[in-house]
PDB file of all heavy atoms in Angstrom:
ATOM      1  N   VAL A   1      15.832   8.378   6.361  1.00  0.00           N
ATOM      2  CA  VAL A   1      15.549   9.593   5.586  1.00  0.00           C
ATOM      3  C   VAL A   1      15.115   9.267   4.161  1.00  0.00           C
ATOM      4  O   VAL A   1      15.072  10.162   3.310  1.00  0.00           O
ATOM      5  CB  VAL A   1      16.784  10.527   5.543  1.00  0.00           C
ATOM      6  CG1 VAL A   1      17.106  11.041   6.935  1.00  0.00           C
ATOM      7  CG2 VAL A   1      17.999   9.812   4.945  1.00  0.00           C
ATOM      8  N   HIS A   2      14.771   8.013   3.875  1.00  0.00           N
ATOM      9  CA  HIS A   2      14.507   7.641   2.486  1.00  0.00           C
ATOM     10  C   HIS A   2      13.064   7.205   2.231  1.00  0.00           C
ATOM     11  O   HIS A   2      12.370   7.798   1.415  1.00  0.00           O
ATOM     12  CB  HIS A   2      15.474   6.541   2.047  1.00  0.00           C
ATOM     13  CG  HIS A   2      16.905   6.960   2.062  1.00  0.00           C
ATOM     14  ND1 HIS A   2      17.390   7.989   1.300  1.00  0.00           N
ATOM     15  CD2 HIS A   2      17.949   6.515   2.797  1.00  0.00           C
ATOM     16  CE1 HIS A   2      18.684   8.155   1.527  1.00  0.00           C
ATOM     17  NE2 HIS A   2      19.049   7.270   2.445  1.00  0.00           N
ATOM     18  N   ASP A   3      12.602   6.146   2.886  1.00  0.00           N
ATOM     19  CA  ASP A   3      11.262   5.646   2.588  1.00  0.00           C
ATOM     20  C   ASP A   3      10.669   5.000   3.822  1.00  0.00           C
ATOM     21  O   ASP A   3      11.281   4.973   4.892  1.00  0.00           O
ATOM     22  CB  ASP A   3      11.281   4.663   1.406  1.00  0.00           C
ATOM     23  CG  ASP A   3      12.190   3.466   1.658  1.00  0.00           C
ATOM     24  OD1 ASP A   3      12.628   3.271   2.813  1.00  0.00           O
ATOM     25  OD2 ASP A   3      12.470   2.711   0.712  1.00  0.00           O
ATOM     26  N   VAL A   4       9.441   4.478   3.662  1.00  0.00           N
ATOM     27  CA  VAL A   4       8.705   3.836   4.747  1.00  0.00           C
ATOM     28  C   VAL A   4       8.316   2.445   4.282  1.00  0.00           C
ATOM     29  O   VAL A   4       7.887   2.259   3.135  1.00  0.00           O
ATOM     30  CB  VAL A   4       7.440   4.643   5.112  1.00  0.00           C
ATOM     31  CG1 VAL A   4       6.688   3.967   6.246  1.00  0.00           C
ATOM     32  CG2 VAL A   4       7.796   6.074   5.482  1.00  0.00           C
ATOM     33  N   ASP A   5       8.474   1.452   5.168  1.00  0.00           N
ATOM     34  CA  ASP A   5       8.174   0.058   4.819  1.00  0.00           C
ATOM     35  C   ASP A   5       7.091  -0.498   5.735  1.00  0.00           C
ATOM     36  O   ASP A   5       7.137  -0.288   6.961  1.00  0.00           O
ATOM     37  CB  ASP A   5       9.428  -0.815   4.955  1.00  0.00           C
ATOM     38  CG  ASP A   5      10.540  -0.397   4.019  1.00  0.00           C
ATOM     39  OD1 ASP A   5      10.229   0.065   2.908  1.00  0.00           O
ATOM     40  OD2 ASP A   5      11.724  -0.538   4.387  1.00  0.00           O
ATOM     41  N   PHE A   6       6.149  -1.217   5.135  1.00  0.00           N
ATOM     42  CA  PHE A   6       5.142  -1.948   5.896  1.00  0.00           C
ATOM     43  C   PHE A   6       5.179  -3.407   5.457  1.00  0.00           C
ATOM     44  O   PHE A   6       5.364  -3.713   4.270  1.00  0.00           O
ATOM     45  CB  PHE A   6       3.742  -1.377   5.656  1.00  0.00           C
ATOM     46  CG  PHE A   6       3.517  -0.053   6.325  1.00  0.00           C
ATOM     47  CD1 PHE A   6       3.807   1.132   5.671  1.00  0.00           C
ATOM     48  CD2 PHE A   6       3.020   0.006   7.614  1.00  0.00           C
ATOM     49  CE1 PHE A   6       3.608   2.354   6.288  1.00  0.00           C
ATOM     50  CE2 PHE A   6       2.809   1.224   8.247  1.00  0.00           C
ATOM     51  CZ  PHE A   6       3.107   2.402   7.584  1.00  0.00           C
ATOM     52  N   MET A   7       4.996  -4.314   6.427  1.00  0.00           N
ATOM     53  CA  MET A   7       4.989  -5.744   6.149  1.00  0.00           C
ATOM     54  C   MET A   7       3.545  -6.226   6.112  1.00  0.00           C
ATOM     55  O   MET A   7       2.775  -5.991   7.063  1.00  0.00           O
ATOM     56  CB  MET A   7       5.762  -6.508   7.234  1.00  0.00           C
ATOM     57  CG  MET A   7       7.070  -5.849   7.669  1.00  0.00           C
ATOM     58  SD  MET A   7       8.248  -5.612   6.320  1.00  0.00           S
ATOM     59  CE  MET A   7       8.711  -7.295   5.999  1.00  0.00           C
ATOM     60  N   LEU A   8       3.152  -6.895   5.020  1.00  0.00           N
ATOM     61  CA  LEU A   8       1.805  -7.431   4.854  1.00  0.00           C
ATOM     62  C   LEU A   8       1.881  -8.829   4.279  1.00  0.00           C
ATOM     63  O   LEU A   8       2.857  -9.184   3.600  1.00  0.00           O
ATOM     64  CB  LEU A   8       0.968  -6.556   3.908  1.00  0.00           C
ATOM     65  CG  LEU A   8       0.567  -5.158   4.337  1.00  0.00           C
ATOM     66  CD1 LEU A   8       1.645  -4.148   3.983  1.00  0.00           C
ATOM     67  CD2 LEU A   8      -0.753  -4.760   3.673  1.00  0.00           C
ATOM     68  N   ARG A   9       0.839  -9.601   4.506  1.00  0.00           N
ATOM     69  CA  ARG A   9       0.720 -10.884   3.817  1.00  0.00           C
ATOM     70  C   ARG A   9       0.426 -10.618   2.340  1.00  0.00           C
ATOM     71  O   ARG A   9      -0.277  -9.651   1.999  1.00  0.00           O
ATOM     72  CB  ARG A   9      -0.391 -11.722   4.442  1.00  0.00           C
ATOM     73  CG  ARG A   9      -0.133 -12.103   5.897  1.00  0.00           C
ATOM     74  CD  ARG A   9      -1.308 -12.842   6.492  1.00  0.00           C
ATOM     75  NE  ARG A   9      -2.539 -12.059   6.418  1.00  0.00           N
ATOM     76  CZ  ARG A   9      -3.674 -12.409   6.977  1.00  0.00           C
ATOM     77  NH1 ARG A   9      -3.757 -13.542   7.667  1.00  0.00           N
ATOM     78  NH2 ARG A   9      -4.747 -11.651   6.854  1.00  0.00           N
ATOM     79  N   GLU A  10       0.916 -11.476   1.494  1.00  0.00           N
ATOM     80  CA  GLU A  10       0.763 -11.254   0.054  1.00  0.00           C
ATOM     81  C   GLU A  10      -0.704 -11.162  -0.350  1.00  0.00           C
ATOM     82  O   GLU A  10      -1.074 -10.333  -1.197  1.00  0.00           O
ATOM     83  CB  GLU A  10       1.456 -12.373  -0.728  1.00  0.00           C
ATOM     84  CG  GLU A  10       1.470 -12.144  -2.223  1.00  0.00           C
ATOM     85  CD  GLU A  10       2.313 -13.165  -2.973  1.00  0.00           C
ATOM     86  OE1 GLU A  10       2.672 -14.193  -2.360  1.00  0.00           O
ATOM     87  OE2 GLU A  10       2.615 -12.935  -4.167  1.00  0.00           O
ATOM     88  N   ASP A  11      -1.560 -11.978   0.258  1.00  0.00           N
ATOM     89  CA  ASP A  11      -2.977 -11.972  -0.109  1.00  0.00           C
ATOM     90  C   ASP A  11      -3.665 -10.659   0.258  1.00  0.00           C
ATOM     91  O   ASP A  11      -4.719 -10.331  -0.302  1.00  0.00           O
ATOM     92  CB  ASP A  11      -3.707 -13.135   0.586  1.00  0.00           C
ATOM     93  CG  ASP A  11      -3.314 -14.496   0.029  1.00  0.00           C
ATOM     94  OD1 ASP A  11      -2.692 -14.525  -1.065  1.00  0.00           O
ATOM     95  OD2 ASP A  11      -3.595 -15.518   0.684  1.00  0.00           O
ATOM     96  N   ASP A  12      -3.090  -9.910   1.206  1.00  0.00           N
ATOM     97  CA  ASP A  12      -3.706  -8.658   1.641  1.00  0.00           C
ATOM     98  C   ASP A  12      -3.227  -7.447   0.846  1.00  0.00           C
ATOM     99  O   ASP A  12      -3.794  -6.354   0.988  1.00  0.00           O
ATOM    100  CB  ASP A  12      -3.415  -8.415   3.130  1.00  0.00           C
ATOM    101  CG  ASP A  12      -4.110  -9.424   4.028  1.00  0.00           C
ATOM    102  OD1 ASP A  12      -5.210  -9.873   3.661  1.00  0.00           O
ATOM    103  OD2 ASP A  12      -3.550  -9.755   5.091  1.00  0.00           O
ATOM    104  N   VAL A  13      -2.197  -7.628   0.019  1.00  0.00           N
ATOM    105  CA  VAL A  13      -1.605  -6.484  -0.679  1.00  0.00           C
ATOM    106  C   VAL A  13      -2.584  -5.833  -1.655  1.00  0.00           C
ATOM    107  O   VAL A  13      -2.703  -4.594  -1.679  1.00  0.00           O
ATOM    108  CB  VAL A  13      -0.299  -6.888  -1.373  1.00  0.00           C
ATOM    109  CG1 VAL A  13       0.207  -5.772  -2.291  1.00  0.00           C
ATOM    110  CG2 VAL A  13       0.760  -7.215  -0.333  1.00  0.00           C
ATOM    111  N   PRO A  14      -3.309  -6.592  -2.508  1.00  0.00           N
ATOM    112  CA  PRO A  14      -4.218  -5.922  -3.455  1.00  0.00           C
ATOM    113  C   PRO A  14      -5.248  -5.033  -2.775  1.00  0.00           C
ATOM    114  O   PRO A  14      -5.503  -3.907  -3.236  1.00  0.00           O
ATOM    115  CB  PRO A  14      -4.888  -7.099  -4.183  1.00  0.00           C
ATOM    116  CG  PRO A  14      -3.888  -8.206  -4.088  1.00  0.00           C
ATOM    117  CD  PRO A  14      -3.269  -8.055  -2.735  1.00  0.00           C
ATOM    118  N   ARG A  15      -5.819  -5.512  -1.668  1.00  0.00           N
ATOM    119  CA  ARG A  15      -6.808  -4.675  -0.970  1.00  0.00           C
ATOM    120  C   ARG A  15      -6.132  -3.471  -0.325  1.00  0.00           C
ATOM    121  O   ARG A  15      -6.701  -2.375  -0.295  1.00  0.00           O
ATOM    122  CB  ARG A  15      -7.547  -5.503   0.085  1.00  0.00           C
ATOM    123  CG  ARG A  15      -8.627  -4.704   0.795  1.00  0.00           C
ATOM    124  CD  ARG A  15      -9.626  -5.594   1.488  1.00  0.00           C
ATOM    125  NE  ARG A  15     -10.545  -4.782   2.293  1.00  0.00           N
ATOM    126  CZ  ARG A  15     -10.486  -4.668   3.616  1.00  0.00           C
ATOM    127  NH1 ARG A  15      -9.550  -5.324   4.290  1.00  0.00           N
ATOM    128  NH2 ARG A  15     -11.348  -3.924   4.257  1.00  0.00           N
ATOM    129  N   ALA A  16      -4.934  -3.660   0.184  1.00  0.00           N
ATOM    130  CA  ALA A  16      -4.206  -2.532   0.776  1.00  0.00           C
ATOM    131  C   ALA A  16      -3.948  -1.455  -0.262  1.00  0.00           C
ATOM    132  O   ALA A  16      -4.121  -0.257   0.000  1.00  0.00           O
ATOM    133  CB  ALA A  16      -2.890  -3.017   1.384  1.00  0.00           C
ATOM    134  N   VAL A  17      -3.545  -1.871  -1.450  1.00  0.00           N
ATOM    135  CA  VAL A  17      -3.309  -0.904  -2.528  1.00  0.00           C
ATOM    136  C   VAL A  17      -4.605  -0.173  -2.865  1.00  0.00           C
ATOM    137  O   VAL A  17      -4.614   1.051  -3.085  1.00  0.00           O
ATOM    138  CB  VAL A  17      -2.739  -1.618  -3.770  1.00  0.00           C
ATOM    139  CG1 VAL A  17      -2.678  -0.668  -4.960  1.00  0.00           C
ATOM    140  CG2 VAL A  17      -1.349  -2.176  -3.469  1.00  0.00           C
ATOM    141  N   GLU A  18      -5.708  -0.909  -2.890  1.00  0.00           N
ATOM    142  CA  GLU A  18      -6.995  -0.301  -3.230  1.00  0.00           C
ATOM    143  C   GLU A  18      -7.395   0.767  -2.209  1.00  0.00           C
ATOM    144  O   GLU A  18      -7.775   1.888  -2.585  1.00  0.00           O
ATOM    145  CB  GLU A  18      -8.072  -1.385  -3.298  1.00  0.00           C
ATOM    146  CG  GLU A  18      -9.463  -0.853  -3.623  1.00  0.00           C
ATOM    147  CD  GLU A  18     -10.518  -1.938  -3.617  1.00  0.00           C
ATOM    148  OE1 GLU A  18     -10.164  -3.124  -3.411  1.00  0.00           O
ATOM    149  OE2 GLU A  18     -11.711  -1.610  -3.798  1.00  0.00           O
ATOM    150  N   VAL A  19      -7.312   0.438  -0.910  1.00  0.00           N
ATOM    151  CA  VAL A  19      -7.752   1.402   0.096  1.00  0.00           C
ATOM    152  C   VAL A  19      -6.793   2.590   0.170  1.00  0.00           C
ATOM    153  O   VAL A  19      -7.221   3.732   0.413  1.00  0.00           O
ATOM    154  CB  VAL A  19      -7.904   0.735   1.481  1.00  0.00           C
ATOM    155  CG1 VAL A  19      -8.942  -0.372   1.432  1.00  0.00           C
ATOM    156  CG2 VAL A  19      -6.583   0.215   2.012  1.00  0.00           C
ATOM    157  N   LEU A  20      -5.519   2.351  -0.074  1.00  0.00           N
ATOM    158  CA  LEU A  20      -4.559   3.464  -0.064  1.00  0.00           C
ATOM    159  C   LEU A  20      -4.771   4.375  -1.272  1.00  0.00           C
ATOM    160  O   LEU A  20      -4.655   5.605  -1.166  1.00  0.00           O
ATOM    161  CB  LEU A  20      -3.131   2.927  -0.036  1.00  0.00           C
ATOM    162  CG  LEU A  20      -2.715   2.238   1.270  1.00  0.00           C
ATOM    163  CD1 LEU A  20      -1.336   1.589   1.123  1.00  0.00           C
ATOM    164  CD2 LEU A  20      -2.716   3.213   2.441  1.00  0.00           C
ATOM    165  N   ALA A  21      -5.106   3.762  -2.420  1.00  0.00           N
ATOM    166  CA  ALA A  21      -5.401   4.577  -3.601  1.00  0.00           C
ATOM    167  C   ALA A  21      -6.652   5.418  -3.370  1.00  0.00           C
ATOM    168  O   ALA A  21      -6.701   6.601  -3.753  1.00  0.00           O
ATOM    169  CB  ALA A  21      -5.574   3.678  -4.826  1.00  0.00           C
ATOM    170  N   ASN A  22      -7.631   4.841  -2.720  1.00  0.00           N
ATOM    171  CA  ASN A  22      -8.849   5.601  -2.400  1.00  0.00           C
ATOM    172  C   ASN A  22      -8.569   6.741  -1.419  1.00  0.00           C
ATOM    173  O   ASN A  22      -9.300   7.735  -1.377  1.00  0.00           O
ATOM    174  CB  ASN A  22      -9.913   4.669  -1.818  1.00  0.00           C
ATOM    175  CG  ASN A  22     -10.463   3.699  -2.848  1.00  0.00           C
ATOM    176  OD1 ASN A  22     -10.378   3.956  -4.058  1.00  0.00           O
ATOM    177  ND2 ASN A  22     -10.996   2.575  -2.395  1.00  0.00           N
ATOM    178  N   ALA A  23      -7.490   6.575  -0.626  1.00  0.00           N
ATOM    179  CA  ALA A  23      -7.117   7.619   0.335  1.00  0.00           C
ATOM    180  C   ALA A  23      -6.216   8.681  -0.288  1.00  0.00           C
ATOM    181  O   ALA A  23      -5.778   9.598   0.402  1.00  0.00           O
ATOM    182  CB  ALA A  23      -6.420   6.988   1.526  1.00  0.00           C
ATOM    183  N   GLY A  24      -5.928   8.531  -1.609  1.00  0.00           N
ATOM    184  CA  GLY A  24      -5.162   9.555  -2.295  1.00  0.00           C
ATOM    185  C   GLY A  24      -3.722   9.192  -2.606  1.00  0.00           C
ATOM    186  O   GLY A  24      -2.996  10.001  -3.201  1.00  0.00           O
ATOM    187  N   LEU A  25      -3.264   7.993  -2.223  1.00  0.00           N
ATOM    188  CA  LEU A  25      -1.913   7.586  -2.565  1.00  0.00           C
ATOM    189  C   LEU A  25      -1.868   7.058  -3.999  1.00  0.00           C
ATOM    190  O   LEU A  25      -2.896   6.652  -4.559  1.00  0.00           O
ATOM    191  CB  LEU A  25      -1.402   6.528  -1.586  1.00  0.00           C
ATOM    192  CG  LEU A  25      -0.890   7.070  -0.243  1.00  0.00           C
ATOM    193  CD1 LEU A  25      -2.038   7.462   0.671  1.00  0.00           C
ATOM    194  CD2 LEU A  25       0.008   6.060   0.451  1.00  0.00           C
ATOM    195  N   ARG A  26      -0.695   7.048  -4.575  1.00  0.00           N
ATOM    196  CA  ARG A  26      -0.542   6.695  -5.995  1.00  0.00           C
ATOM    197  C   ARG A  26       0.248   5.392  -6.146  1.00  0.00           C
ATOM    198  O   ARG A  26       1.446   5.360  -5.904  1.00  0.00           O
ATOM    199  CB  ARG A  26       0.178   7.831  -6.722  1.00  0.00           C
ATOM    200  CG  ARG A  26       0.521   7.551  -8.185  1.00  0.00           C
ATOM    201  CD  ARG A  26       1.010   8.824  -8.864  1.00  0.00           C
ATOM    202  NE  ARG A  26       2.108   9.429  -8.133  1.00  0.00           N
ATOM    203  CZ  ARG A  26       3.392   9.148  -8.354  1.00  0.00           C
ATOM    204  NH1 ARG A  26       3.730   8.243  -9.256  1.00  0.00           N
ATOM    205  NH2 ARG A  26       4.335   9.766  -7.650  1.00  0.00           N
ATOM    206  N   PRO A  27      -0.425   4.300  -6.553  1.00  0.00           N
ATOM    207  CA  PRO A  27       0.300   3.039  -6.778  1.00  0.00           C
ATOM    208  C   PRO A  27       1.175   3.146  -8.027  1.00  0.00           C
ATOM    209  O   PRO A  27       0.831   3.851  -8.984  1.00  0.00           O
ATOM    210  CB  PRO A  27      -0.814   2.004  -6.975  1.00  0.00           C
ATOM    211  CG  PRO A  27      -2.067   2.673  -6.492  1.00  0.00           C
ATOM    212  CD  PRO A  27      -1.872   4.137  -6.711  1.00  0.00           C
ATOM    213  N   VAL A  28       2.315   2.446  -8.012  1.00  0.00           N
ATOM    214  CA  VAL A  28       3.202   2.397  -9.176  1.00  0.00           C
ATOM    215  C   VAL A  28       3.592   0.948  -9.428  1.00  0.00           C
ATOM    216  O   VAL A  28       3.626   0.127  -8.510  1.00  0.00           O
ATOM    217  CB  VAL A  28       4.466   3.252  -8.974  1.00  0.00           C
ATOM    218  CG1 VAL A  28       4.111   4.725  -8.832  1.00  0.00           C
ATOM    219  CG2 VAL A  28       5.267   2.780  -7.774  1.00  0.00           C
TER     220      VAL A  28
END
């Protein structure tokens, strides 16, 4: 009931943040 977790390789995180931000999510 708290949050959602996804496992990614560290090298893929910056691109993941970019595409999620483009989809309307807010990085912090």
